[in-house]
C-alpha atoms as a PDB file:
ATOM      1  CA  MET A   1     -12.905 -25.442 -42.106  1.00  0.00           C
ATOM      2  CA  ASN A   2     -13.389 -21.798 -43.102  1.00  0.00           C
ATOM      3  CA  LEU A   3     -16.971 -22.215 -44.255  1.00  0.00           C
ATOM      4  CA  ILE A   4     -17.819 -24.373 -41.256  1.00  0.00           C
ATOM      5  CA  ALA A   5     -16.607 -21.457 -39.133  1.00  0.00           C
ATOM      6  CA  LEU A   6     -18.867 -19.155 -41.147  1.00  0.00           C
ATOM      7  CA  LEU A   7     -21.939 -21.316 -40.599  1.00  0.00           C
ATOM      8  CA  LEU A   8     -21.178 -21.519 -36.889  1.00  0.00           C
ATOM      9  CA  GLY A   9     -20.584 -17.765 -36.873  1.00  0.00           C
ATOM     10  CA  LEU A  10     -24.057 -17.193 -38.345  1.00  0.00           C
ATOM     11  CA  VAL A  11     -25.543 -19.365 -35.618  1.00  0.00           C
ATOM     12  CA  VAL A  12     -23.712 -17.353 -32.962  1.00  0.00           C
ATOM     13  CA  GLU A  13     -24.966 -14.173 -34.655  1.00  0.00           C
ATOM     14  CA  ARG A  14     -28.551 -15.364 -34.162  1.00  0.00           C
ATOM     15  CA  MET A  15     -28.070 -16.446 -30.538  1.00  0.00           C
ATOM     16  CA  ALA A  16     -25.656 -14.000 -28.888  1.00  0.00           C
ATOM     17  CA  THR A  17     -27.944 -10.961 -28.943  1.00  0.00           C
ATOM     18  CA  LYS A  18     -27.051 -10.035 -25.342  1.00  0.00           C
ATOM     19  CA  PHE A  19     -23.477  -9.346 -26.415  1.00  0.00           C
ATOM     20  CA  PHE A  20     -24.198  -7.095 -29.395  1.00  0.00           C
ATOM     21  CA  HIS A  21     -23.178  -4.027 -27.392  1.00  0.00           C
ATOM     22  CA  LEU A  22     -19.584  -5.323 -27.473  1.00  0.00           C
ATOM     23  CA  ARG A  23     -19.546  -5.009 -31.262  1.00  0.00           C
ATOM     24  CA  ARG A  24     -19.725  -1.236 -31.136  1.00  0.00           C
ATOM     25  CA  LEU A  25     -15.954  -1.320 -30.522  1.00  0.00           C
ATOM     26  CA  ARG A  26     -15.967   2.080 -28.826  1.00  0.00           C
ATOM     27  CA  TRP A  27     -12.436   1.440 -27.572  1.00  0.00           C
ATOM     28  CA  LEU A  28     -11.228   1.748 -31.174  1.00  0.00           C
ATOM     29  CA  ASP A  29     -12.755   5.221 -31.620  1.00  0.00           C
ATOM     30  CA  ARG A  30      -9.818   7.063 -30.068  1.00  0.00           C
ATOM     31  CA  LEU A  31      -7.306   5.163 -32.181  1.00  0.00           C
ATOM     32  CA  ILE A  32      -9.271   5.792 -35.370  1.00  0.00           C
ATOM     33  CA  ASP A  33      -9.829   9.453 -34.468  1.00  0.00           C
ATOM     34  CA  ALA A  34      -6.093   9.829 -33.915  1.00  0.00           C
ATOM     35  CA  GLY A  35      -5.410   8.207 -37.291  1.00  0.00           C
ATOM     36  CA  VAL A  36      -7.965  10.414 -39.041  1.00  0.00           C
ATOM     37  CA  GLY A  37      -6.438  13.447 -37.301  1.00  0.00           C
ATOM     38  CA  CYS A  38      -2.976  12.504 -38.563  1.00  0.00           C
ATOM     39  CA  ALA A  39      -4.403  11.999 -42.053  1.00  0.00           C
ATOM     40  CA  GLU A  40      -5.876  15.506 -41.941  1.00  0.00           C
ATOM     41  CA  GLN A  41      -2.429  16.896 -41.106  1.00  0.00           C
ATOM     42  CA  LEU A  42      -0.878  15.256 -44.174  1.00  0.00           C
ATOM     43  CA  SER A  43      -2.419  17.688 -46.637  1.00  0.00           C
ATOM     44  CA  ALA A  44       0.399  17.134 -49.141  1.00  0.00           C
ATOM     45  CA  TRP A  45      -0.461  13.436 -49.442  1.00  0.00           C
ATOM     46  CA  PRO A  46      -3.223  11.990 -51.626  1.00  0.00           C
ATOM     47  CA  PRO A  47      -6.118  11.711 -49.122  1.00  0.00           C
ATOM     48  CA  LEU A  48      -6.705   8.026 -49.868  1.00  0.00           C
ATOM     49  CA  LEU A  49      -3.154   7.001 -48.887  1.00  0.00           C
ATOM     50  CA  PRO A  50      -3.307   7.792 -45.125  1.00  0.00           C
ATOM     51  CA  ILE A  51      -6.770   6.211 -44.943  1.00  0.00           C
ATOM     52  CA  VAL A  52      -5.407   3.005 -46.480  1.00  0.00           C
ATOM     53  CA  LEU A  53      -2.453   3.051 -44.059  1.00  0.00           C
ATOM     54  CA  LEU A  54      -4.796   3.504 -41.093  1.00  0.00           C
ATOM     55  CA  THR A  55      -6.938   0.623 -42.328  1.00  0.00           C
ATOM     56  CA  LEU A  56      -3.903  -1.646 -42.701  1.00  0.00           C
ATOM     57  CA  LEU A  57      -2.782  -0.748 -39.186  1.00  0.00           C
ATOM     58  CA  LEU A  58      -6.131  -1.854 -37.748  1.00  0.00           C
ATOM     59  CA  ILE A  59      -6.145  -5.029 -39.854  1.00  0.00           C
ATOM     60  CA  PHE A  60      -2.606  -6.110 -38.921  1.00  0.00           C
ATOM     61  CA  PRO A  61      -3.350  -7.697 -35.472  1.00  0.00           C
ATOM     62  CA  VAL A  62      -6.061  -9.949 -36.915  1.00  0.00           C
ATOM     63  CA  ALA A  63      -3.836 -10.910 -39.850  1.00  0.00           C
ATOM     64  CA  ALA A  64      -0.941 -11.740 -37.522  1.00  0.00           C
ATOM     65  CA  ILE A  65      -3.066 -13.921 -35.234  1.00  0.00           C
ATOM     66  CA  ALA A  66      -4.665 -15.753 -38.168  1.00  0.00           C
ATOM     67  CA  LEU A  67      -1.259 -16.542 -39.682  1.00  0.00           C
ATOM     68  CA  LEU A  68       0.205 -17.622 -36.321  1.00  0.00           C
ATOM     69  CA  LEU A  69      -2.651 -20.025 -35.581  1.00  0.00           C
ATOM     70  CA  GLY A  70      -2.597 -21.676 -38.994  1.00  0.00           C
ATOM     71  CA  ASP A  71      -3.235 -25.422 -38.712  1.00  0.00           C
ATOM     72  CA  THR A  72      -2.300 -25.630 -35.031  1.00  0.00           C
ATOM     73  CA  LEU A  73      -4.209 -28.469 -33.309  1.00  0.00           C
ATOM     74  CA  SER A  74      -5.868 -29.469 -36.580  1.00  0.00           C
ATOM     75  CA  GLY A  75      -7.113 -25.935 -37.136  1.00  0.00           C
ATOM     76  CA  PHE A  76      -9.577 -25.792 -34.230  1.00  0.00           C
ATOM     77  CA  PRO A  77      -7.995 -22.700 -32.579  1.00  0.00           C
ATOM     78  CA  TYR A  78      -8.139 -20.965 -35.963  1.00  0.00           C
ATOM     79  CA  MET A  79     -11.814 -21.884 -36.359  1.00  0.00           C
ATOM     80  CA  ALA A  80     -12.626 -20.508 -32.897  1.00  0.00           C
ATOM     81  CA  PHE A  81     -10.712 -17.332 -33.752  1.00  0.00           C
ATOM     82  CA  ALA A  82     -12.595 -17.029 -37.061  1.00  0.00           C
ATOM     83  CA  ILE A  83     -15.948 -17.266 -35.262  1.00  0.00           C
ATOM     84  CA  VAL A  84     -14.907 -14.520 -32.824  1.00  0.00           C
ATOM     85  CA  VAL A  85     -13.730 -12.271 -35.671  1.00  0.00           C
ATOM     86  CA  LEU A  86     -16.987 -12.854 -37.536  1.00  0.00           C
ATOM     87  CA  PHE A  87     -19.015 -11.939 -34.455  1.00  0.00           C
ATOM     88  CA  PHE A  88     -17.234  -8.580 -34.215  1.00  0.00           C
ATOM     89  CA  SER A  89     -17.322  -8.032 -37.986  1.00  0.00           C
ATOM     90  CA  PHE A  90     -21.105  -8.387 -38.239  1.00  0.00           C
ATOM     91  CA  GLY A  91     -23.357  -5.590 -37.103  1.00  0.00           C
ATOM     92  CA  PRO A  92     -22.798  -3.706 -34.883  1.00  0.00           C
ATOM     93  CA  LYS A  93     -26.531  -4.334 -34.281  1.00  0.00           C
ATOM     94  CA  ASP A  94     -28.750  -7.006 -35.756  1.00  0.00           C
ATOM     95  CA  ILE A  95     -30.970  -5.529 -38.438  1.00  0.00           C
ATOM     96  CA  GLY A  96     -33.882  -7.780 -37.465  1.00  0.00           C
ATOM     97  CA  GLU A  97     -33.687  -6.588 -33.865  1.00  0.00           C
ATOM     98  CA  ASP A  98     -33.703  -2.956 -35.018  1.00  0.00           C
ATOM     99  CA  VAL A  99     -36.780  -3.619 -37.157  1.00  0.00           C
ATOM    100  CA  ASP A 100     -38.601  -5.271 -34.247  1.00  0.00           C
ATOM    101  CA  GLU A 101     -37.916  -2.251 -32.025  1.00  0.00           C
ATOM    102  CA  TYR A 102     -39.117   0.117 -34.766  1.00  0.00           C
ATOM    103  CA  CYS A 103     -42.335  -1.849 -35.261  1.00  0.00           C
ATOM    104  CA  GLN A 104     -42.979  -1.867 -31.507  1.00  0.00           C
ATOM    105  CA  ALA A 105     -42.474   1.897 -31.471  1.00  0.00           C
ATOM    106  CA  LEU A 106     -44.998   2.322 -34.301  1.00  0.00           C
ATOM    107  CA  GLU A 107     -47.535   0.163 -32.484  1.00  0.00           C
ATOM    108  CA  SER A 108     -47.049   2.164 -29.280  1.00  0.00           C
ATOM    109  CA  GLY A 109     -47.622   5.440 -31.147  1.00  0.00           C
ATOM    110  CA  ASP A 110     -44.755   7.195 -29.341  1.00  0.00           C
ATOM    111  CA  PRO A 111     -43.363   9.804 -31.826  1.00  0.00           C
ATOM    112  CA  GLU A 112     -40.047  10.184 -29.997  1.00  0.00           C
ATOM    113  CA  ARG A 113     -39.433   6.448 -29.844  1.00  0.00           C
ATOM    114  CA  ILE A 114     -40.459   6.051 -33.482  1.00  0.00           C
ATOM    115  CA  GLU A 115     -37.884   8.657 -34.506  1.00  0.00           C
ATOM    116  CA  GLN A 116     -35.149   7.082 -32.381  1.00  0.00           C
ATOM    117  CA  THR A 117     -35.714   3.555 -33.678  1.00  0.00           C
ATOM    118  CA  ALA A 118     -35.985   4.797 -37.263  1.00  0.00           C
ATOM    119  CA  LYS A 119     -32.663   6.622 -36.869  1.00  0.00           C
ATOM    120  CA  ALA A 120     -31.064   3.409 -35.596  1.00  0.00           C
ATOM    121  CA  ILE A 121     -31.990   1.720 -38.883  1.00  0.00           C
ATOM    122  CA  VAL A 122     -31.280   4.623 -41.215  1.00  0.00           C
ATOM    123  CA  GLU A 123     -28.140   5.589 -39.256  1.00  0.00           C
ATOM    124  CA  GLY A 124     -28.949   9.244 -39.873  1.00  0.00           C
ATOM    125  CA  GLU A 125     -31.765  11.753 -39.904  1.00  0.00           C
ATOM    126  CA  VAL A 126     -35.208  10.562 -40.976  1.00  0.00           C
ATOM    127  CA  PRO A 127     -37.877  12.551 -42.843  1.00  0.00           C
ATOM    128  CA  ALA A 128     -40.549  14.245 -40.750  1.00  0.00           C
ATOM    129  CA  ASP A 129     -43.268  13.162 -43.194  1.00  0.00           C
ATOM    130  CA  ALA A 130     -44.627   9.745 -42.161  1.00  0.00           C
ATOM    131  CA  LEU A 131     -44.927   8.341 -45.708  1.00  0.00           C
ATOM    132  CA  GLN A 132     -41.397   9.385 -46.594  1.00  0.00           C
ATOM    133  CA  ARG A 133     -40.131   7.901 -43.325  1.00  0.00           C
ATOM    134  CA  ILE A 134     -41.828   4.583 -44.084  1.00  0.00           C
ATOM    135  CA  ARG A 135     -40.087   4.318 -47.454  1.00  0.00           C
ATOM    136  CA  THR A 136     -36.764   5.546 -46.063  1.00  0.00           C
ATOM    137  CA  VAL A 137     -36.810   2.846 -43.374  1.00  0.00           C
ATOM    138  CA  LYS A 138     -37.624   0.114 -45.912  1.00  0.00           C
ATOM    139  CA  GLU A 139     -34.747   1.252 -48.105  1.00  0.00           C
ATOM    140  CA  ALA A 140     -32.389   1.494 -45.134  1.00  0.00           C
ATOM    141  CA  VAL A 141     -33.123  -2.095 -44.079  1.00  0.00           C
ATOM    142  CA  CYS A 142     -32.048  -3.287 -47.530  1.00  0.00           C
ATOM    143  CA  VAL A 143     -28.895  -1.147 -47.444  1.00  0.00           C
ATOM    144  CA  GLN A 144     -27.909  -1.979 -43.869  1.00  0.00           C
ATOM    145  CA  ALA A 145     -28.403  -5.713 -44.388  1.00  0.00           C
ATOM    146  CA  ASN A 146     -25.587  -5.618 -46.915  1.00  0.00           C
ATOM    147  CA  ASN A 147     -23.366  -3.427 -44.775  1.00  0.00           C
ATOM    148  CA  ARG A 148     -23.918  -5.326 -41.536  1.00  0.00           C
ATOM    149  CA  LEU A 149     -24.188  -8.881 -42.857  1.00  0.00           C
ATOM    150  CA  PHE A 150     -23.903  -9.862 -46.520  1.00  0.00           C
ATOM    151  CA  ALA A 151     -20.750  -7.916 -47.417  1.00  0.00           C
ATOM    152  CA  VAL A 152     -18.995  -9.384 -44.373  1.00  0.00           C
ATOM    153  CA  ILE A 153     -19.984 -12.898 -45.462  1.00  0.00           C
ATOM    154  CA  PHE A 154     -18.841 -12.181 -49.022  1.00  0.00           C
ATOM    155  CA  TRP A 155     -15.351 -11.063 -48.025  1.00  0.00           C
ATOM    156  CA  PHE A 156     -15.022 -13.916 -45.540  1.00  0.00           C
ATOM    157  CA  VAL A 157     -15.731 -16.446 -48.297  1.00  0.00           C
ATOM    158  CA  VAL A 158     -13.725 -14.706 -51.019  1.00  0.00           C
ATOM    159  CA  MET A 159     -10.557 -14.459 -48.924  1.00  0.00           C
ATOM    160  CA  GLY A 160     -10.521 -18.257 -48.565  1.00  0.00           C
ATOM    161  CA  PRO A 161      -7.714 -19.386 -46.212  1.00  0.00           C
ATOM    162  CA  VAL A 162      -7.621 -15.942 -44.567  1.00  0.00           C
ATOM    163  CA  GLY A 163     -11.389 -15.444 -44.397  1.00  0.00           C
ATOM    164  CA  PRO A 164     -11.362 -13.672 -41.009  1.00  0.00           C
ATOM    165  CA  LEU A 165      -8.993 -11.101 -42.497  1.00  0.00           C
ATOM    166  CA  GLY A 166     -11.467 -10.383 -45.297  1.00  0.00           C
ATOM    167  CA  ALA A 167     -14.421  -9.979 -42.930  1.00  0.00           C
ATOM    168  CA  TRP A 168     -12.474  -7.771 -40.523  1.00  0.00           C
ATOM    169  CA  SER A 169     -11.058  -5.648 -43.366  1.00  0.00           C
ATOM    170  CA  TYR A 170     -14.567  -4.756 -44.481  1.00  0.00           C
ATOM    171  CA  ARG A 171     -15.648  -3.876 -40.945  1.00  0.00           C
ATOM    172  CA  VAL A 172     -12.534  -1.738 -40.428  1.00  0.00           C
ATOM    173  CA  THR A 173     -13.290   0.329 -43.534  1.00  0.00           C
ATOM    174  CA  ASP A 174     -16.790   0.862 -42.166  1.00  0.00           C
ATOM    175  CA  LEU A 175     -15.447   1.948 -38.762  1.00  0.00           C
ATOM    176  CA  VAL A 176     -12.978   4.360 -40.372  1.00  0.00           C
ATOM    177  CA  ARG A 177     -15.702   5.733 -42.648  1.00  0.00           C
ATOM    178  CA  ARG A 178     -18.010   6.413 -39.707  1.00  0.00           C
ATOM    179  CA  ARG A 179     -15.358   8.216 -37.684  1.00  0.00           C
ATOM    180  CA  ALA A 180     -14.175  10.246 -40.699  1.00  0.00           C
ATOM    181  CA  VAL A 181     -17.762  11.353 -41.338  1.00  0.00           C
ATOM    182  CA  TYR A 182     -18.166  12.210 -37.647  1.00  0.00           C
ATOM    183  CA  SER A 183     -14.929  14.210 -37.701  1.00  0.00           C
ATOM    184  CA  ALA A 184     -16.091  16.154 -40.758  1.00  0.00           C
ATOM    185  CA  MET A 185     -19.471  16.893 -39.156  1.00  0.00           C
ATOM    186  CA  ARG A 186     -17.694  18.734 -36.338  1.00  0.00           C
ATOM    187  CA  GLU A 187     -16.210  21.157 -38.854  1.00  0.00           C
ATOM    188  CA  GLN A 188     -18.901  23.751 -39.486  1.00  0.00           C
ATOM    189  CA  PRO A 189     -19.100  25.240 -41.999  1.00  0.00           C
ATOM    190  CA  LEU A 190     -17.260  22.601 -44.017  1.00  0.00           C
ATOM    191  CA  ASP A 191     -15.564  23.509 -47.276  1.00  0.00           C
ATOM    192  CA  GLY A 192     -15.844  20.704 -49.829  1.00  0.00           C
ATOM    193  CA  ASP A 193     -12.225  21.288 -50.841  1.00  0.00           C
ATOM    194  CA  SER A 194     -10.860  21.213 -47.294  1.00  0.00           C
ATOM    195  CA  THR A 195      -8.532  18.453 -46.118  1.00  0.00           C
ATOM    196  CA  VAL A 196     -11.156  17.231 -43.634  1.00  0.00           C
ATOM    197  CA  ALA A 197     -13.732  16.829 -46.414  1.00  0.00           C
ATOM    198  CA  MET A 198     -11.253  15.062 -48.695  1.00  0.00           C
ATOM    199  CA  ILE A 199     -10.288  12.610 -45.943  1.00  0.00           C
ATOM    200  CA  ARG A 200     -13.969  11.915 -45.307  1.00  0.00           C
ATOM    201  CA  ASP A 201     -14.615  11.336 -49.005  1.00  0.00           C
ATOM    202  CA  ALA A 202     -11.559   9.058 -49.255  1.00  0.00           C
ATOM    203  CA  ALA A 203     -12.816   6.921 -46.340  1.00  0.00           C
ATOM    204  CA  ILE A 204     -16.283   6.713 -47.902  1.00  0.00           C
ATOM    205  CA  LEU A 205     -14.779   5.776 -51.268  1.00  0.00           C
ATOM    206  CA  LEU A 206     -12.578   3.003 -49.827  1.00  0.00           C
ATOM    207  CA  HIS A 207     -15.578   1.470 -48.090  1.00  0.00           C
ATOM    208  CA  GLY A 208     -17.603   1.871 -51.277  1.00  0.00           C
ATOM    209  CA  TRP A 209     -15.012  -0.058 -53.285  1.00  0.00           C
ATOM    210  CA  LEU A 210     -15.209  -3.009 -50.904  1.00  0.00           C
ATOM    211  CA  ALA A 211     -19.022  -2.840 -50.950  1.00  0.00           C
ATOM    212  CA  TRP A 212     -19.302  -2.718 -54.763  1.00  0.00           C
ATOM    213  CA  VAL A 213     -19.340  -6.447 -55.552  1.00  0.00           C
ATOM    214  CA  PRO A 214     -21.310  -7.645 -52.494  1.00  0.00           C
ATOM    215  CA  ALA A 215     -23.887  -4.883 -53.084  1.00  0.00           C
ATOM    216  CA  ARG A 216     -24.590  -6.288 -56.533  1.00  0.00           C
ATOM    217  CA  LEU A 217     -24.712  -9.870 -55.321  1.00  0.00           C
ATOM    218  CA  THR A 218     -27.102  -8.805 -52.574  1.00  0.00           C
ATOM    219  CA  ALA A 219     -29.267  -6.927 -55.087  1.00  0.00           C
ATOM    220  CA  ILE A 220     -29.397 -10.047 -57.285  1.00  0.00           C
ATOM    221  CA  GLY A 221     -30.349 -11.993 -54.171  1.00  0.00           C
ATOM    222  CA  TYR A 222     -33.176  -9.562 -53.401  1.00  0.00           C
ATOM    223  CA  ALA A 223     -34.515 -10.102 -56.899  1.00  0.00           C
ATOM    224  CA  ALA A 224     -34.309 -13.886 -56.520  1.00  0.00           C
ATOM    225  CA  ALA A 225     -35.895 -13.846 -53.054  1.00  0.00           C
ATOM    226  CA  GLY A 226     -38.674 -11.430 -54.018  1.00  0.00           C
ATOM    227  CA  HIS A 227     -40.475 -10.095 -57.086  1.00  0.00           C
ATOM    228  CA  PHE A 228     -37.856 -10.710 -59.764  1.00  0.00           C
ATOM    229  CA  GLU A 229     -39.285  -8.657 -62.642  1.00  0.00           C
ATOM    230  CA  ALA A 230     -39.995  -5.575 -60.516  1.00  0.00           C
ATOM    231  CA  ALA A 231     -36.521  -5.747 -58.975  1.00  0.00           C
ATOM    232  CA  ILE A 232     -34.739  -6.037 -62.324  1.00  0.00           C
ATOM    233  CA  GLY A 233     -36.849  -3.185 -63.691  1.00  0.00           C
ATOM    234  CA  ALA A 234     -35.754  -0.994 -60.783  1.00  0.00           C
ATOM    235  CA  TRP A 235     -32.130  -1.977 -61.423  1.00  0.00           C
ATOM    236  CA  ARG A 236     -32.329  -1.026 -65.093  1.00  0.00           C
ATOM    237  CA  ALA A 237     -33.939   2.321 -64.286  1.00  0.00           C
ATOM    238  CA  LEU A 238     -31.194   3.038 -61.764  1.00  0.00           C
ATOM    239  CA  ASP A 239     -28.426   2.282 -64.267  1.00  0.00           C
ATOM    240  CA  GLU A 240     -29.497   5.383 -66.188  1.00  0.00           C
ATOM    241  CA  GLN A 241     -28.270   7.583 -63.322  1.00  0.00           C
ATOM    242  CA  THR A 242     -24.712   8.770 -63.900  1.00  0.00           C
ATOM    243  CA  ASP A 243     -24.474  11.766 -61.580  1.00  0.00           C
ATOM    244  CA  VAL A 244     -23.868   9.874 -58.313  1.00  0.00           C
ATOM    245  CA  SER A 245     -20.678   8.608 -56.684  1.00  0.00           C
ATOM    246  CA  LEU A 246     -19.849   4.910 -56.442  1.00  0.00           C
ATOM    247  CA  PRO A 247     -20.808   4.612 -52.733  1.00  0.00           C
ATOM    248  CA  GLU A 248     -24.087   6.435 -53.403  1.00  0.00           C
ATOM    249  CA  HIS A 249     -24.816   4.169 -56.352  1.00  0.00           C
ATOM    250  CA  ASN A 250     -24.253   1.106 -54.152  1.00  0.00           C
ATOM    251  CA  GLU A 251     -26.817   2.351 -51.655  1.00  0.00           C
ATOM    252  CA  HIS A 252     -29.320   3.452 -54.281  1.00  0.00           C
ATOM    253  CA  LEU A 253     -29.061   0.066 -55.979  1.00  0.00           C
ATOM    254  CA  LEU A 254     -29.725  -1.878 -52.774  1.00  0.00           C
ATOM    255  CA  ALA A 255     -32.539   0.460 -51.730  1.00  0.00           C
ATOM    256  CA  ARG A 256     -34.411   0.562 -55.048  1.00  0.00           C
ATOM    257  CA  VAL A 257     -34.003  -3.115 -55.932  1.00  0.00           C
ATOM    258  CA  GLY A 258     -34.867  -4.234 -52.404  1.00  0.00           C
ATOM    259  CA  VAL A 259     -38.042  -2.141 -52.198  1.00  0.00           C
ATOM    260  CA  ALA A 260     -39.104  -3.241 -55.686  1.00  0.00           C
ATOM    261  CA  ALA A 261     -38.513  -6.902 -54.777  1.00  0.00           C
ATOM    262  CA  MET A 262     -40.971  -6.554 -51.870  1.00  0.00           C
ATOM    263  CA  ALA A 263     -43.715  -5.573 -54.353  1.00  0.00           C
ATOM    264  CA  LEU A 264     -45.934  -4.173 -51.609  1.00  0.00           C
ATOM    265  CA  ALA A 265     -49.295  -2.789 -52.744  1.00  0.00           C
ATOM    266  CA  ASP A 266     -50.905   0.108 -50.870  1.00  0.00           C
ATOM    267  CA  ASP A 267     -53.877  -0.773 -48.689  1.00  0.00           C
ATOM    268  CA  ASP A 268     -56.299   2.138 -48.284  1.00  0.00           C
ATOM    269  CA  ASP A 269     -57.837   0.562 -45.176  1.00  0.00           C
ATOM    270  CA  GLU A 270     -54.639   0.520 -43.097  1.00  0.00           C
ATOM    271  CA  THR A 271     -53.263   3.343 -40.970  1.00  0.00           C
ATOM    272  CA  LEU A 272     -49.835   4.880 -41.482  1.00  0.00           C
ATOM    273  CA  GLU A 273     -48.568   2.961 -38.451  1.00  0.00           C
ATOM    274  CA  GLN A 274     -49.829  -0.318 -39.898  1.00  0.00           C
ATOM    275  CA  ARG A 275     -48.286   0.504 -43.262  1.00  0.00           C
ATOM    276  CA  GLY A 276     -44.976   1.254 -41.562  1.00  0.00           C
ATOM    277  CA  VAL A 277     -45.016  -2.050 -39.677  1.00  0.00           C
ATOM    278  CA  ARG A 278     -45.940  -3.972 -42.821  1.00  0.00           C
ATOM    279  CA  GLY A 279     -43.200  -2.319 -44.858  1.00  0.00           C
ATOM    280  CA  ALA A 280     -40.432  -2.784 -42.287  1.00  0.00           C
ATOM    281  CA  THR A 281     -41.496  -6.375 -41.623  1.00  0.00           C
ATOM    282  CA  ALA A 282     -41.528  -7.162 -45.349  1.00  0.00           C
ATOM    283  CA  ALA A 283     -38.006  -5.763 -45.682  1.00  0.00           C
ATOM    284  CA  SER A 284     -36.796  -7.825 -42.721  1.00  0.00           C
ATOM    285  CA  ARG A 285     -38.370 -10.981 -44.165  1.00  0.00           C
ATOM    286  CA  LEU A 286     -36.735 -10.344 -47.532  1.00  0.00           C
ATOM    287  CA  VAL A 287     -33.353 -10.093 -45.815  1.00  0.00           C
ATOM    288  CA  PHE A 288     -34.005 -13.286 -43.844  1.00  0.00           C
ATOM    289  CA  ARG A 289     -35.009 -15.204 -46.985  1.00  0.00           C
ATOM    290  CA  LEU A 290     -31.837 -14.087 -48.699  1.00  0.00           C
ATOM    291  CA  LEU A 291     -29.771 -15.099 -45.669  1.00  0.00           C
ATOM    292  CA  LEU A 292     -31.295 -18.575 -45.835  1.00  0.00           C
ATOM    293  CA  MET A 293     -30.431 -18.756 -49.544  1.00  0.00           C
ATOM    294  CA  TRP A 294     -26.830 -17.773 -48.846  1.00  0.00           C
ATOM    295  CA  ALA A 295     -26.658 -20.333 -46.011  1.00  0.00           C
ATOM    296  CA  VAL A 296     -27.867 -23.079 -48.355  1.00  0.00           C
ATOM    297  CA  VAL A 297     -25.294 -22.118 -50.996  1.00  0.00           C
ATOM    298  CA  ILE A 298     -22.502 -21.940 -48.400  1.00  0.00           C
ATOM    299  CA  GLY A 299     -23.587 -25.281 -46.920  1.00  0.00           C
ATOM    300  CA  THR A 300     -23.560 -26.879 -50.361  1.00  0.00           C
ATOM    301  CA  MET A 301     -20.106 -25.495 -51.069  1.00  0.00           C
ATOM    302  CA  THR A 302     -18.901 -26.904 -47.748  1.00  0.00           C
ATOM    303  CA  LEU A 303     -20.518 -30.301 -48.333  1.00  0.00           C
ATOM    304  CA  TYR A 304     -18.940 -30.768 -51.754  1.00  0.00           C
ATOM    305  CA  GLY A 305     -15.623 -29.204 -50.766  1.00  0.00           C
ATOM    306  CA  TRP A 306     -15.729 -26.511 -53.460  1.00  0.00           C
ATOM    307  CA  THR A 307     -13.930 -24.060 -51.198  1.00  0.00           C
ATOM    308  CA  GLN A 308     -11.732 -24.310 -48.169  1.00  0.00           C
END
């Protein structure tokens, strides 16, 4: 039942594009900001503890509903609830839709629109240099695909009977991380040893822990769906880096392995705009191929009853 709900949830994810704006969950911002504010006041506490408590508070309603529904009416209400939770756990925007908008901006030649659509993918500032921006966007597609899609699927499957709780837990840590980073950005200048900075780092670390395993499974998937030898070579080269945090290593791994798996050769006859479109499209196709692979594996598991 759980994996059937996941397959149906993926179908809804592909079809319900008009409702993606609902997944921004802006109504939770005030609650999370209040929680982050309280965490900043508890300077005597280990910074990770209030972040974990805030996360548990946001997870509790979904956990309570999932447990209450149980096997009621042969589990169909639970399945419907799981599909709804999955819809709000994915995203908030579809990575393929973001790539399409970015490619359209490149083809139109509008610098302002190009920057805006690139920022939507990178979820931050983008380099001014066109070549650097092209690579940054390709890397960001590989990173965001895990954050918006594959990690959610992973935790949904791993949590078994309480799959919606796993998917929602991952999305909650992402929401808390975003708001903690936003809160820290408002503190200028920001001391790295300040309570605000420590709360931000704790939120980033908690999200990084939950992303650790799915990031590696996604990287393996990129290698399998693309140029395997180049991807594994990039992975081995990255393992030599020891001066980065766990969340940074997750992102570097996805970015480097994903770009290497595309194995795109430079074409001297194409313009920078054409190169940007080709790179972003290749990244989107790599993600789609991997999604199909995961769907086949999940479907096989469902067919043979290997999981619930």
